[in-house]
Protein backbone atom coordinates (compact mmCIF):
# COMPACT_ATOMS: atom_id res chain seq x y z
CA UNK A 1 0.00 0.00 0.00
CA UNK A 2 1.36 3.39 -0.97
CA UNK A 3 1.06 6.12 1.66
CA UNK A 4 1.90 9.78 1.85
CA UNK A 5 1.99 12.06 4.87
CA UNK A 6 2.15 15.81 4.66
CA UNK A 7 1.54 18.55 7.21
CA UNK A 8 0.06 21.77 5.84
CA UNK A 9 -1.52 24.92 7.16
CA UNK A 10 -5.25 25.35 6.65
CA UNK A 11 -6.08 28.63 4.91
CA UNK A 12 -9.70 29.75 4.84
CA UNK A 13 -10.81 26.18 5.54
CA UNK A 14 -8.96 24.73 2.54
CA UNK A 15 -5.94 22.49 2.04
CA UNK A 16 -4.49 21.77 -1.41
CA UNK A 17 -2.56 18.57 -2.09
CA UNK A 18 -0.34 17.77 -5.04
CA UNK A 19 -0.32 13.99 -5.27
CA UNK A 20 2.50 11.94 -6.83
CA UNK A 21 1.77 10.18 -10.14
CA UNK A 22 1.26 6.77 -8.49
CA UNK A 23 -2.00 8.16 -7.01
CA UNK A 24 -3.33 9.69 -10.23
CA UNK A 25 -6.53 8.11 -11.54
CA UNK A 26 -7.07 6.16 -8.30
CA UNK A 27 -9.55 6.51 -5.48
CA UNK A 28 -7.70 7.72 -2.36
CA UNK A 29 -8.60 8.04 1.31
CA UNK A 30 -7.80 11.36 2.96
CA UNK A 31 -7.56 11.50 6.76
CA UNK A 32 -7.35 14.90 8.44
CA UNK A 33 -5.88 15.22 11.95
CA UNK A 34 -4.84 18.21 14.02
CA UNK A 35 -1.03 18.21 13.65
CA UNK A 36 -0.66 19.39 17.25
CA UNK A 37 -2.26 16.12 18.43
CA UNK A 38 0.00 13.86 16.33
CA UNK A 39 3.57 12.86 17.23
CA UNK A 40 6.25 15.15 15.84
CA UNK A 41 7.03 14.37 12.24
CA UNK A 42 10.46 13.58 10.86
CA UNK A 43 12.22 16.08 8.63
CA UNK A 44 10.86 14.39 5.51
CA UNK A 45 7.23 15.08 4.63
CA UNK A 46 6.93 11.60 3.06
CA UNK A 47 7.05 8.95 5.77
CA UNK A 48 5.90 5.40 6.22
CA UNK A 49 2.55 5.01 7.92
CA UNK A 50 3.29 1.39 8.80
CA UNK A 51 3.52 2.15 12.55
CA UNK A 52 0.25 4.09 12.50
CA UNK A 53 -1.49 1.25 10.67
CA UNK A 54 -0.37 -1.27 13.29
CA UNK A 55 -2.28 0.67 15.95
CA UNK A 56 -5.26 2.29 14.20
CA UNK A 57 -7.59 4.55 16.13
CA UNK A 58 -10.57 2.48 17.23
CA UNK A 59 -13.54 4.43 18.50
CA UNK A 60 -15.15 2.76 21.47
CA UNK A 61 -18.01 0.75 20.07
CA UNK A 62 -21.12 -0.12 21.95
CA UNK A 63 -22.83 -3.32 20.85
CA UNK A 64 -26.52 -3.26 20.00
CA UNK A 65 -27.39 -5.74 22.74
CA UNK A 66 -25.50 -3.68 25.32
CA UNK A 67 -27.26 -0.50 24.18
CA UNK A 68 -30.69 -2.15 24.35
CA UNK A 69 -30.01 -3.59 27.81
CA UNK A 70 -28.91 -0.16 29.05
CA UNK A 71 -32.05 1.43 27.59
CA UNK A 72 -34.21 -1.19 29.28
CA UNK A 73 -32.54 -0.48 32.63
CA UNK A 74 -33.00 3.27 32.22
CA UNK A 75 -36.73 3.01 31.52
CA UNK A 76 -37.24 0.35 34.18
CA UNK A 77 -38.26 -2.65 32.06
CA UNK A 78 -38.82 -5.83 34.06
CA UNK A 79 -38.89 -9.50 33.05
CA UNK A 80 -42.70 -9.33 33.29
CA UNK A 81 -42.72 -6.45 30.76
CA UNK A 82 -40.59 -8.47 28.35
CA UNK A 83 -42.85 -11.53 28.76
CA UNK A 84 -45.91 -9.39 27.93
CA UNK A 85 -44.20 -8.02 24.82
CA UNK A 86 -43.22 -11.55 23.71
CA UNK A 87 -46.86 -12.71 23.97
CA UNK A 88 -48.23 -10.05 21.60
CA UNK A 89 -45.41 -9.52 19.08
CA UNK A 90 -45.74 -10.78 15.52
CA UNK A 91 -43.35 -13.73 15.10
CA UNK A 92 -43.95 -14.29 11.39
CA UNK A 93 -40.95 -13.78 9.06
CA UNK A 94 -40.50 -10.33 7.59
CA UNK A 95 -41.31 -9.78 3.91
CA UNK A 96 -38.17 -9.62 1.78
CA UNK A 97 -37.30 -6.24 0.26
CA UNK A 98 -38.14 -5.70 -3.39
CA UNK A 99 -35.97 -3.44 -5.51
CA UNK A 100 -37.92 -2.52 -8.62
C-alpha cells in the first residue's frame, strides 16, 4: 500500500494537495488530523505510515445488545414487561425487500 503524509496549514478552511503520479486516476482516502495532536514528524514530509497502521484509532463501540439492555434499565423494564411483549409480538418472518 502506498502512503503519503504531509503537514500543511489550513487557509480559509482549505488544504491543497499535489499527489504523486502513483496516485493519479485512483480513489484515495484522505484522513485529516490536528497536527498538534500527532507525534512530531520527521524532517521528511513523506514517511511510512506502517507504525500508525499497526495501531489504528478504534472508537469505542457499543454493541446493539448492550445499548438495548442499558435502555431497558433506564426506563425500568422488568422480566414481566418483556414476557408481555413476547406474547403479543408478531413472530412471522419479515417480507423480503423488493428493488424494482
